[in-house]
Amino acid sequence: MSIIHTSPLPDVDIPDVPITAHVLRRADELADRVAIRDTTGASSYTFAELSAAIASLAGGLRARGIGPDGVVGLMAPNLPDYAVVFHGTATAGGAVTTINPTYGAEEVRFQLNDAGATMLVVFAPFLETALAAAEGTDVSTIVAMPVPGVDGGELPDGVVPLADLMGDPIEQVDIDAAGHTVVLPYSSGTTGLPKGVMLTHRNLVANIEQCKHAILYTDDEVALAALPFFHIYGMQVLMNGLLANGVTVVTMPRFDMVEALTAVQELKVTRFFAVPPMVLGLAKAPIVDDYDLSSLRQIFSGAAPLGAELADEAAARVGCEIVQGYGMTELSPVSHCTVEGDYRPGTSGVTVSNTECRIVDPATGEDQGVGERGELWVRGPQVMVGYLNNPEATAATIDEDGWLHTGDVAIVDEHQHVSIVDRLKELIKYKGFQVPPAELEALIVTHPDVADVAVIGVPDDEAGELPKAFVVPVDGRTVTLEDVQTLVGEHLVSYKQIRVLEVIDAIPKSASGKILRRELR
């Protein structure tokens, strides 16, 4: 018998509208409020200006043949113009495939080909990579997005400045919100090549609304947007979700602690969206004490598990609540979120509105009850249509009853809060016992001499796998295997003990903050 955990939050109505209409739903009311700006103020749009720029770009794109079958590649860091390109394409009826701007030419070319892009909009400093990547693809137009506050100068032959794409403004091209793919982000590719995740207008609109009873925005809020818009967390929770709720978005092209702290102090930032490495910095970096962070109401962490001790340490230091949520690209992205004022240490909060979940034993296929471990399955209107050009991977991820199998190991507690205890494929098998890396990492990072840590399994003839820690020491300190073993031995069962330790300069991580374990292996 299935044990289905439903959301304790009220159901929400999901309007049958395109994503841009939903994101700009308050644009007339808030016409003169700053919608999105960079930290320096060199680039800025009010809600009225943003709405006008989107409509103008949509007209220019339609004039160049971008419509309901068109795909535009968008390869840029977080800039105010990102929202213009994303929603201009959506308004024209096209789809956007969001590309990591730090990719090499081969990675970009794979994504352009797989997504079927015919146009590539690229931040000017990445033009060299973009031009190389476009060779051997269907991309016929490359558009340069300017550096804010800097004269563009000469562009290579055949490259069009973004300003030249602006045309006569148009209204939303007719689309089927439930059936039309509007964005194709690519998943992290932990199995095989990265896969294009087909998300519809309805997926995106639904997920913004599903968070309304968890993230409680008030008027006149300002949010720091350092997490990349090309990643689903930055795209949806930050860019789209914030704008839809009338929040002023402050963009950072890349995270810099000093720039972030300065922005919080000077722009009176109320919301700081983070990943665990940023929270680690807030907890440990001495420079944090030099800034007035009293405007912050909440720091929200996602994309990877955040240890309870680290969250508490950073919260005490910064002076505001630090909570976390859970999601994945295939879920648009949020399925679980901490409701303001209902933080429980170490959990990712409760199931969001209009969503069901199950905890299923991967070995037996049997549903697990409260407090028992199993793979997290999710069902709701935020679940992707599927993987582009990959029906086999789609069928392996979404079953016939619409349950998306996340590949993450979770527990539901008696308060209906979900804790992600590990990734199914990342579990270390030591003498038949399952050892979760995330649990060890959350503990080891509490050691005063440890700045950062990652744990993987390394092959061993006798044990199967040995838990190995890669440790980044605090500047001027040393960390030994014995130091770590003493800490782990005080808190965890013996089979979870670290057997091998390597000191390194930095833990490799993706732009979204996930540890790149394959690089460590």
Protein backbone atom coordinates (compact mmCIF):
# COMPACT_ATOMS: atom_id res chain seq x y z
CA MET A 1 0.00 0.00 0.00
CA SER A 2 1.27 3.47 -0.90
CA ILE A 3 2.00 5.89 1.94
CA ILE A 4 1.50 9.31 0.38
CA HIS A 5 2.66 12.39 2.28
CA THR A 6 0.63 15.44 1.27
CA SER A 7 1.42 19.08 1.89
CA PRO A 8 0.32 20.62 5.20
CA LEU A 9 0.01 23.93 3.33
CA PRO A 10 -3.19 25.09 1.61
CA ASP A 11 -3.64 24.27 -2.06
CA VAL A 12 -3.14 27.19 -4.45
CA ASP A 13 -4.86 28.16 -7.69
CA ILE A 14 -2.54 27.92 -10.69
CA PRO A 15 -3.52 30.48 -13.32
CA ASP A 16 -3.54 29.31 -16.93
CA VAL A 17 -1.19 32.06 -18.16
CA PRO A 18 2.23 32.28 -19.82
CA ILE A 19 5.18 32.71 -17.47
CA THR A 20 5.94 36.29 -18.55
CA ALA A 21 2.38 37.45 -17.84
CA HIS A 22 2.71 35.93 -14.38
CA VAL A 23 6.13 37.45 -13.70
CA LEU A 24 4.91 40.90 -14.80
CA ARG A 25 1.51 40.62 -13.09
CA ARG A 26 2.32 43.61 -10.83
CA ALA A 27 4.20 45.68 -13.43
CA ASP A 28 1.46 48.31 -13.85
CA GLU A 29 0.92 48.64 -10.10
CA LEU A 30 4.66 48.92 -9.40
CA ALA A 31 5.59 50.77 -12.61
CA ASP A 32 8.19 53.08 -11.03
CA ARG A 33 9.72 50.59 -8.59
CA VAL A 34 13.14 49.17 -9.53
CA ALA A 35 12.47 45.62 -10.74
CA ILE A 36 16.04 44.49 -11.40
CA ARG A 37 19.43 46.17 -11.14
CA ASP A 38 23.05 45.22 -10.70
CA THR A 39 24.98 45.93 -7.50
CA THR A 40 26.69 48.99 -9.02
CA GLY A 41 23.56 50.55 -10.49
CA ALA A 42 25.17 50.65 -13.95
CA SER A 43 22.22 48.67 -15.31
CA SER A 44 18.70 48.97 -13.96
CA TYR A 45 15.07 48.54 -15.05
CA THR A 46 11.91 49.69 -13.31
CA PHE A 47 8.93 47.36 -13.69
CA ALA A 48 7.56 49.63 -16.45
CA GLU A 49 10.92 49.70 -18.26
CA LEU A 50 11.36 45.94 -17.94
CA SER A 51 7.89 45.29 -19.34
CA ALA A 52 8.55 47.62 -22.28
CA ALA A 53 11.98 46.12 -23.04
CA ILE A 54 10.57 42.59 -23.01
CA ALA A 55 7.76 43.51 -25.43
CA SER A 56 10.22 45.31 -27.72
CA LEU A 57 12.68 42.41 -27.79
CA ALA A 58 9.82 39.98 -28.42
CA GLY A 59 8.85 42.02 -31.48
CA GLY A 60 12.43 42.02 -32.74
CA LEU A 61 12.74 38.26 -32.23
CA ARG A 62 9.49 37.56 -34.10
CA ALA A 63 10.74 39.72 -36.97
CA ARG A 64 13.84 37.48 -37.11
CA GLY A 65 11.79 34.30 -37.19
CA ILE A 66 11.90 33.27 -33.52
CA GLY A 67 8.47 31.88 -32.65
CA PRO A 68 6.76 28.83 -31.14
CA ASP A 69 9.27 26.42 -32.68
CA GLY A 70 12.34 28.55 -32.04
CA VAL A 71 15.04 27.98 -29.42
CA VAL A 72 17.38 30.73 -28.23
CA GLY A 73 20.57 29.90 -26.36
CA LEU A 74 21.28 32.31 -23.49
CA MET A 75 24.85 32.27 -22.22
CA ALA A 76 25.45 34.95 -19.62
CA PRO A 77 26.04 35.61 -15.95
CA ASN A 78 23.40 37.36 -13.82
CA LEU A 79 22.62 40.74 -15.36
CA PRO A 80 19.40 42.76 -15.59
CA ASP A 81 19.35 42.10 -19.37
CA TYR A 82 19.07 38.36 -18.63
CA ALA A 83 15.42 38.84 -17.66
CA VAL A 84 14.79 40.84 -20.85
CA VAL A 85 16.20 38.10 -23.10
CA PHE A 86 14.52 35.26 -21.18
CA HIS A 87 11.08 36.85 -21.22
CA GLY A 88 11.43 38.47 -24.64
CA THR A 89 11.95 34.97 -26.04
CA ALA A 90 9.05 33.57 -24.01
CA THR A 91 6.74 36.38 -25.18
CA ALA A 92 7.71 35.70 -28.80
CA GLY A 93 6.58 32.11 -28.24
CA GLY A 94 10.07 30.64 -28.26
CA ALA A 95 12.02 28.55 -25.77
CA VAL A 96 15.25 29.49 -24.00
CA THR A 97 18.05 27.05 -23.32
CA THR A 98 20.13 28.49 -20.49
CA ILE A 99 23.86 27.83 -20.79
CA ASN A 100 26.58 28.02 -18.16
CA PRO A 101 28.82 30.88 -19.38
CA THR A 102 31.93 29.19 -17.97
CA TYR A 103 31.47 26.16 -20.23
CA GLY A 104 34.06 25.37 -22.88
CA ALA A 105 33.18 25.43 -26.57
CA GLU A 106 32.53 21.67 -26.78
CA GLU A 107 30.06 21.71 -23.87
CA VAL A 108 28.24 24.71 -25.34
CA ARG A 109 28.13 23.11 -28.79
CA PHE A 110 26.60 19.91 -27.37
CA GLN A 111 23.83 21.89 -25.69
CA LEU A 112 23.13 24.09 -28.74
CA ASN A 113 22.85 21.02 -30.97
CA ASP A 114 20.78 18.98 -28.52
CA ALA A 115 18.37 21.86 -27.87
CA GLY A 116 18.12 22.81 -31.56
CA ALA A 117 19.03 26.46 -30.98
CA THR A 118 19.14 28.81 -33.98
CA MET A 119 20.17 31.96 -32.10
CA LEU A 120 22.72 32.45 -29.32
CA VAL A 121 22.65 35.49 -27.03
CA VAL A 122 25.97 35.75 -25.22
CA PHE A 123 27.55 38.13 -22.72
CA ALA A 124 30.20 39.98 -24.75
CA PRO A 125 33.24 38.75 -22.73
CA PHE A 126 32.35 35.16 -23.69
CA LEU A 127 32.08 35.81 -27.44
CA GLU A 128 35.25 33.89 -28.32
CA THR A 129 33.89 30.68 -26.80
CA ALA A 130 30.44 31.31 -28.30
CA LEU A 131 31.80 31.77 -31.83
CA ALA A 132 33.80 28.56 -31.58
CA ALA A 133 30.84 26.69 -30.08
CA ALA A 134 28.42 27.80 -32.79
CA GLU A 135 30.47 26.09 -35.51
CA GLY A 136 28.72 22.91 -36.59
CA THR A 137 25.35 23.93 -35.10
CA ASP A 138 22.14 25.47 -36.50
CA VAL A 139 22.93 28.81 -34.85
CA SER A 140 22.71 31.46 -37.57
CA THR A 141 22.63 34.56 -35.35
CA ILE A 142 24.94 35.45 -32.46
CA VAL A 143 23.86 38.38 -30.32
CA ALA A 144 26.20 40.22 -27.93
CA MET A 145 24.83 41.25 -24.53
CA PRO A 146 26.73 44.38 -23.38
CA VAL A 147 28.79 44.81 -20.25
CA PRO A 148 26.80 47.22 -18.03
CA GLY A 149 28.26 50.72 -18.04
CA VAL A 150 30.89 49.90 -20.68
CA ASP A 151 30.89 51.01 -24.32
CA GLY A 152 30.61 47.85 -26.40
CA GLY A 153 33.29 48.76 -28.95
CA GLU A 154 33.86 46.75 -32.11
CA LEU A 155 32.12 43.39 -32.41
CA PRO A 156 33.34 40.54 -34.63
CA ASP A 157 31.80 40.23 -38.09
CA GLY A 158 28.35 38.71 -38.01
CA VAL A 159 27.73 39.43 -34.31
CA VAL A 160 24.68 41.60 -33.61
CA PRO A 161 24.47 43.90 -30.55
CA LEU A 162 21.44 43.22 -28.35
CA ALA A 163 20.17 46.77 -28.92
CA ASP A 164 19.81 46.01 -32.65
CA LEU A 165 17.33 43.23 -31.87
CA MET A 166 14.80 45.59 -30.33
CA GLY A 167 11.73 46.00 -32.52
CA ASP A 168 8.12 47.11 -32.47
CA PRO A 169 6.61 45.82 -29.21
CA ILE A 170 4.26 42.85 -29.40
CA GLU A 171 1.98 41.08 -26.95
CA GLN A 172 2.38 37.44 -25.96
CA VAL A 173 2.27 35.06 -28.92
CA ASP A 174 -0.45 32.46 -28.40
CA ILE A 175 0.85 29.30 -26.73
CA ASP A 176 -0.61 26.40 -24.76
CA ALA A 177 0.69 27.10 -21.24
CA ALA A 178 0.43 23.48 -20.15
CA GLY A 179 2.00 21.98 -23.27
CA HIS A 180 4.53 24.53 -24.53
CA THR A 181 8.15 24.14 -23.41
CA VAL A 182 9.45 27.59 -22.48
CA VAL A 183 12.86 26.70 -21.06
CA LEU A 184 15.41 23.94 -21.52
CA PRO A 185 17.90 24.00 -18.65
CA TYR A 186 20.33 21.09 -18.68
CA SER A 187 20.59 18.82 -15.65
CA SER A 188 23.95 18.19 -14.01
CA GLY A 189 24.45 14.96 -15.94
CA THR A 190 25.42 12.70 -13.03
CA THR A 191 24.55 9.83 -15.34
CA GLY A 192 25.89 10.16 -18.87
CA LEU A 193 25.70 13.41 -20.83
CA PRO A 194 23.66 16.37 -19.54
CA LYS A 195 19.97 16.18 -20.44
CA GLY A 196 17.66 18.98 -21.53
CA VAL A 197 14.82 19.33 -19.04
CA MET A 198 11.56 20.34 -20.76
CA LEU A 199 9.70 22.80 -18.54
CA THR A 200 6.45 24.40 -19.66
CA HIS A 201 4.93 27.79 -18.90
CA ARG A 202 2.57 26.01 -16.51
CA ASN A 203 5.45 24.25 -14.70
CA LEU A 204 7.10 27.60 -13.97
CA VAL A 205 3.90 29.46 -13.05
CA ALA A 206 2.79 26.59 -10.83
CA ASN A 207 6.02 26.48 -8.88
CA ILE A 208 6.03 30.22 -8.18
CA GLU A 209 2.51 29.90 -6.76
CA GLN A 210 3.33 26.69 -4.86
CA CYS A 211 5.85 28.63 -2.74
CA LYS A 212 3.46 31.43 -1.72
CA HIS A 213 2.58 29.90 1.68
CA ALA A 214 6.25 29.18 2.50
CA ILE A 215 8.19 32.27 1.40
CA LEU A 216 6.17 35.20 2.70
CA TYR A 217 7.21 38.34 0.84
CA THR A 218 6.08 41.73 2.07
CA ASP A 219 6.13 45.02 0.18
CA ASP A 220 9.37 46.91 -0.50
CA GLU A 221 11.65 43.89 -0.28
CA VAL A 222 15.10 43.72 -1.87
CA ALA A 223 16.79 40.41 -2.69
CA LEU A 224 20.37 39.55 -3.56
CA ALA A 225 20.58 37.36 -6.69
CA ALA A 226 24.07 35.89 -6.84
CA LEU A 227 23.00 32.34 -7.71
CA PRO A 228 23.20 31.85 -11.48
CA PHE A 229 20.06 32.46 -13.52
CA PHE A 230 21.14 29.70 -15.94
CA HIS A 231 20.54 27.25 -13.08
CA ILE A 232 16.94 26.49 -12.14
CA TYR A 233 17.28 27.79 -8.56
CA GLY A 234 18.48 31.20 -9.72
CA MET A 235 16.11 31.27 -12.69
CA GLN A 236 12.93 30.41 -10.84
CA VAL A 237 13.23 31.17 -7.13
CA LEU A 238 15.24 34.35 -7.73
CA MET A 239 14.64 35.94 -11.14
CA ASN A 240 11.07 34.84 -11.84
CA GLY A 241 9.77 34.26 -8.32
CA LEU A 242 11.10 37.56 -6.96
CA LEU A 243 9.85 39.68 -9.86
CA ALA A 244 6.43 38.02 -9.71
CA ASN A 245 6.20 39.07 -6.07
CA GLY A 246 7.26 42.68 -6.68
CA VAL A 247 10.68 42.25 -5.07
CA THR A 248 13.62 44.35 -6.31
CA VAL A 249 16.25 41.94 -7.65
CA VAL A 250 19.94 42.88 -7.20
CA THR A 251 22.10 40.86 -9.60
CA MET A 252 25.71 39.76 -9.14
CA PRO A 253 27.56 38.26 -12.13
CA ARG A 254 29.50 36.01 -9.74
CA PHE A 255 29.46 35.69 -5.98
CA ASP A 256 31.99 37.81 -4.14
CA MET A 257 31.67 37.98 -0.34
CA VAL A 258 32.77 41.61 -0.01
CA GLU A 259 30.51 42.76 -2.87
CA ALA A 260 27.60 40.79 -1.39
CA LEU A 261 28.07 42.18 2.12
CA THR A 262 28.42 45.70 0.73
CA ALA A 263 25.18 45.29 -1.24
CA VAL A 264 23.32 44.03 1.84
CA GLN A 265 24.52 47.01 3.87
CA GLU A 266 24.06 49.76 1.27
CA LEU A 267 20.92 48.53 -0.54
CA LYS A 268 19.18 47.24 2.61
CA VAL A 269 18.82 43.71 1.22
CA THR A 270 16.09 41.74 3.02
CA ARG A 271 16.51 38.35 1.31
CA PHE A 272 19.80 36.55 0.69
CA PHE A 273 19.50 33.37 -1.38
CA ALA A 274 22.47 31.10 -0.87
CA VAL A 275 24.06 27.69 -1.30
CA PRO A 276 25.94 25.97 1.56
CA PRO A 277 29.40 27.32 0.61
CA MET A 278 28.05 30.87 0.99
CA VAL A 279 26.55 30.02 4.39
CA LEU A 280 29.93 28.56 5.35
CA GLY A 281 31.52 31.92 4.49
CA LEU A 282 28.94 33.81 6.53
CA ALA A 283 29.71 31.56 9.49
CA LYS A 284 33.51 31.59 9.27
CA ALA A 285 34.83 34.62 7.31
CA PRO A 286 36.20 37.32 9.70
CA ILE A 287 35.16 40.13 7.30
CA VAL A 288 31.45 39.48 7.97
CA ASP A 289 31.79 41.35 11.29
CA ASP A 290 32.70 44.56 9.43
CA TYR A 291 29.24 44.98 7.85
CA ASP A 292 25.78 46.00 9.01
CA LEU A 293 23.50 43.12 7.99
CA SER A 294 20.54 44.17 10.13
CA SER A 295 18.24 44.58 7.10
CA LEU A 296 18.29 40.81 6.43
CA ARG A 297 15.05 39.02 7.27
CA GLN A 298 16.01 35.60 6.01
CA ILE A 299 18.80 33.65 4.33
CA PHE A 300 17.48 30.79 2.22
CA SER A 301 19.82 27.94 1.27
CA GLY A 302 19.26 25.31 -1.40
CA ALA A 303 20.89 23.14 -4.12
CA ALA A 304 22.76 20.95 -1.60
CA PRO A 305 22.17 19.80 2.01
CA LEU A 306 23.03 22.34 4.72
CA GLY A 307 24.19 20.95 8.06
CA ALA A 308 22.15 22.03 11.09
CA GLU A 309 25.21 23.12 13.08
CA LEU A 310 26.54 25.28 10.23
CA ALA A 311 23.10 26.88 9.72
CA ASP A 312 22.82 27.67 13.43
CA GLU A 313 26.36 29.08 13.60
CA ALA A 314 25.79 31.38 10.62
CA ALA A 315 22.32 32.44 11.83
CA ALA A 316 23.65 33.41 15.26
CA ARG A 317 26.40 35.45 13.65
CA VAL A 318 24.32 37.21 11.00
CA GLY A 319 21.29 37.70 13.22
CA CYS A 320 18.52 36.29 11.05
CA GLU A 321 16.83 32.99 10.29
CA ILE A 322 18.71 30.63 7.93
CA VAL A 323 16.44 28.01 6.39
CA GLN A 324 16.62 25.62 3.48
CA GLY A 325 14.49 24.05 0.82
CA TYR A 326 14.78 21.15 -1.59
CA GLY A 327 14.24 20.82 -5.28
CA MET A 328 15.76 19.81 -8.58
CA THR A 329 15.74 21.05 -12.15
CA GLU A 330 13.15 18.43 -13.05
CA LEU A 331 10.80 19.93 -10.40
CA SER A 332 10.88 23.55 -11.63
CA PRO A 333 12.56 23.35 -8.97
CA VAL A 334 10.88 23.42 -5.51
CA SER A 335 9.12 20.46 -3.88
CA HIS A 336 9.98 21.21 -0.24
CA CYS A 337 10.45 24.50 1.56
CA THR A 338 10.78 25.79 5.11
CA VAL A 339 7.87 28.01 6.10
CA GLU A 340 9.01 31.24 7.76
CA GLY A 341 9.07 30.77 11.52
CA ASP A 342 8.84 26.96 11.23
CA TYR A 343 12.53 26.12 10.87
CA ARG A 344 13.58 22.72 12.17
CA PRO A 345 17.36 22.13 12.24
CA GLY A 346 18.72 20.09 9.34
CA THR A 347 15.44 19.70 7.45
CA SER A 348 14.42 21.06 4.06
CA GLY A 349 10.99 22.02 5.33
CA VAL A 350 7.59 20.69 4.34
CA THR A 351 6.09 19.56 1.05
CA VAL A 352 4.90 22.64 -0.86
CA SER A 353 1.29 23.26 -1.90
CA ASN A 354 -0.36 20.99 -4.50
CA THR A 355 2.41 18.41 -4.10
CA GLU A 356 2.57 14.82 -2.89
CA CYS A 357 5.60 12.76 -1.97
CA ARG A 358 6.50 9.22 -1.04
CA ILE A 359 9.53 7.64 0.65
CA VAL A 360 10.25 4.35 -1.12
CA ASP A 361 12.78 1.66 -0.19
CA PRO A 362 14.83 1.28 -3.40
CA ALA A 363 15.59 -2.36 -2.62
CA THR A 364 12.03 -3.56 -1.96
CA GLY A 365 9.88 -0.90 -3.61
CA GLU A 366 7.88 -0.61 -0.38
CA ASP A 367 6.73 2.73 0.98
CA GLN A 368 8.35 3.87 4.21
CA GLY A 369 6.61 5.52 7.12
CA VAL A 370 7.56 8.44 9.35
CA GLY A 371 11.23 8.40 10.35
CA GLU A 372 12.26 5.74 7.83
CA ARG A 373 14.72 6.20 4.97
CA GLY A 374 13.98 5.75 1.31
CA GLU A 375 14.14 7.38 -2.10
CA LEU A 376 12.04 10.55 -2.33
CA TRP A 377 9.34 10.42 -5.02
CA VAL A 378 7.43 13.59 -5.94
CA ARG A 379 4.22 14.24 -7.86
CA GLY A 380 2.70 17.62 -8.69
CA PRO A 381 2.21 20.29 -11.37
CA GLN A 382 5.89 21.28 -11.18
CA VAL A 383 7.12 17.92 -12.55
CA MET A 384 8.82 18.33 -15.94
CA VAL A 385 7.32 17.09 -19.19
CA GLY A 386 10.43 14.96 -19.67
CA TYR A 387 13.98 14.99 -21.02
CA LEU A 388 14.42 16.38 -24.53
CA ASN A 389 15.26 13.73 -27.14
CA ASN A 390 15.59 11.11 -24.40
CA PRO A 391 12.47 9.00 -23.81
CA GLU A 392 14.49 6.27 -22.08
CA ALA A 393 15.82 8.66 -19.43
CA THR A 394 12.34 10.16 -19.04
CA ALA A 395 10.78 6.74 -18.46
CA ALA A 396 13.49 5.89 -15.92
CA THR A 397 12.76 9.08 -13.98
CA ILE A 398 8.96 9.52 -14.16
CA ASP A 399 6.80 6.44 -13.73
CA GLU A 400 3.41 5.73 -15.30
CA ASP A 401 1.58 7.24 -12.33
CA GLY A 402 3.43 10.55 -12.63
CA TRP A 403 5.82 10.04 -9.72
CA LEU A 404 9.25 11.57 -10.30
CA HIS A 405 11.99 9.43 -8.73
CA THR A 406 14.48 11.97 -7.39
CA GLY A 407 17.43 9.67 -6.66
CA ASP A 408 17.75 11.38 -3.27
CA VAL A 409 17.44 9.53 0.04
CA ALA A 410 15.07 11.26 2.47
CA ILE A 411 13.22 10.96 5.78
CA VAL A 412 9.85 12.50 6.70
CA ASP A 413 9.61 13.31 10.41
CA GLU A 414 6.59 13.53 12.70
CA HIS A 415 6.31 17.27 11.94
CA GLN A 416 6.00 16.57 8.17
CA HIS A 417 9.46 18.05 7.57
CA VAL A 418 11.67 16.30 5.03
CA SER A 419 15.41 15.78 5.49
CA ILE A 420 17.60 14.85 2.55
CA VAL A 421 20.11 12.42 4.00
CA ASP A 422 21.94 11.58 0.80
CA ARG A 423 22.02 10.93 -2.89
CA LEU A 424 21.19 7.32 -3.76
CA LYS A 425 24.17 6.98 -6.07
CA GLU A 426 26.54 8.77 -3.69
CA LEU A 427 26.01 6.45 -0.75
CA ILE A 428 29.29 4.77 0.23
CA LYS A 429 29.06 1.02 0.77
CA TYR A 430 31.49 0.09 3.58
CA LYS A 431 31.42 -3.62 4.47
CA GLY A 432 27.78 -3.73 3.45
CA PHE A 433 26.82 -0.67 5.49
CA GLN A 434 25.56 2.50 3.78
CA VAL A 435 27.60 5.58 4.68
CA PRO A 436 26.06 8.96 3.65
CA PRO A 437 28.69 11.53 2.60
CA ALA A 438 26.45 14.51 3.40
CA GLU A 439 26.15 13.43 7.03
CA LEU A 440 29.94 13.21 7.41
CA GLU A 441 30.48 16.53 5.62
CA ALA A 442 28.01 18.33 7.88
CA LEU A 443 29.88 17.04 10.93
CA ILE A 444 33.48 17.50 9.76
CA VAL A 445 32.93 21.12 8.67
CA THR A 446 32.15 21.96 12.32
CA HIS A 447 35.81 21.28 13.23
CA PRO A 448 37.42 24.69 13.98
CA ASP A 449 40.40 23.96 11.69
CA VAL A 450 38.27 22.86 8.69
CA ALA A 451 37.18 25.46 6.13
CA ASP A 452 35.49 23.04 3.73
CA VAL A 453 35.18 19.30 3.14
CA ALA A 454 33.90 16.68 0.71
CA VAL A 455 33.57 12.92 1.26
CA ILE A 456 33.55 10.16 -1.34
CA GLY A 457 33.95 6.39 -1.41
CA VAL A 458 37.20 4.96 -2.75
CA PRO A 459 37.47 1.31 -3.87
CA ASP A 460 38.90 -1.19 -1.37
CA ASP A 461 39.29 -4.93 -1.86
CA GLU A 462 38.30 -5.81 1.69
CA ALA A 463 35.63 -3.23 2.55
CA GLY A 464 34.18 -2.55 -0.90
CA GLU A 465 34.58 1.19 -0.41
CA LEU A 466 36.39 3.32 2.15
CA PRO A 467 35.06 6.75 3.20
CA LYS A 468 37.64 9.34 2.15
CA ALA A 469 37.59 13.00 3.18
CA PHE A 470 39.05 15.82 1.10
CA VAL A 471 39.69 18.67 3.54
CA VAL A 472 40.45 22.36 3.00
CA PRO A 473 42.08 23.67 6.22
CA VAL A 474 41.46 27.13 7.64
CA ASP A 475 44.33 29.45 6.65
CA GLY A 476 47.37 28.82 8.82
CA ARG A 477 45.97 25.62 10.36
CA THR A 478 46.63 21.95 9.74
CA VAL A 479 44.18 19.06 9.78
CA THR A 480 45.17 15.42 10.22
CA LEU A 481 43.31 12.15 9.74
CA GLU A 482 43.48 11.63 13.50
CA ASP A 483 41.83 15.04 14.11
CA VAL A 484 38.92 14.12 11.86
CA GLN A 485 38.61 10.57 13.20
CA THR A 486 38.42 11.87 16.77
CA LEU A 487 35.53 14.18 15.84
CA VAL A 488 33.65 11.53 13.84
CA GLY A 489 34.22 8.91 16.55
CA GLU A 490 32.53 11.15 19.11
CA HIS A 491 29.34 11.52 17.06
CA LEU A 492 28.81 8.65 14.61
CA VAL A 493 28.75 4.87 14.48
CA SER A 494 32.13 3.25 13.78
CA TYR A 495 31.37 2.10 10.25
CA LYS A 496 30.89 5.75 9.22
CA GLN A 497 34.47 6.58 10.24
CA ILE A 498 36.76 8.38 7.75
CA ARG A 499 39.50 5.95 6.68
CA VAL A 500 41.50 8.16 4.28
CA LEU A 501 42.18 11.90 4.30
CA GLU A 502 43.63 14.22 1.68
CA VAL A 503 44.30 17.93 2.19
CA ILE A 504 43.50 20.05 -0.89
CA ASP A 505 43.26 23.77 -1.72
CA ALA A 506 39.59 23.89 -2.75
CA ILE A 507 36.60 21.58 -3.10
CA PRO A 508 35.44 21.48 -6.76
CA LYS A 509 31.82 22.65 -6.99
CA SER A 510 29.30 23.46 -9.68
CA ALA A 511 27.94 26.97 -10.10
CA SER A 512 24.93 25.92 -8.02
CA GLY A 513 27.12 24.84 -5.11
CA LYS A 514 26.98 21.07 -5.57
CA ILE A 515 30.18 19.14 -4.82
CA LEU A 516 31.60 17.69 -8.04
CA ARG A 517 32.40 14.27 -6.62
CA ARG A 518 33.30 12.86 -10.01
CA GLU A 519 36.24 15.30 -10.15
CA LEU A 520 37.41 14.17 -6.72
CA ARG A 521 37.20 10.54 -7.85
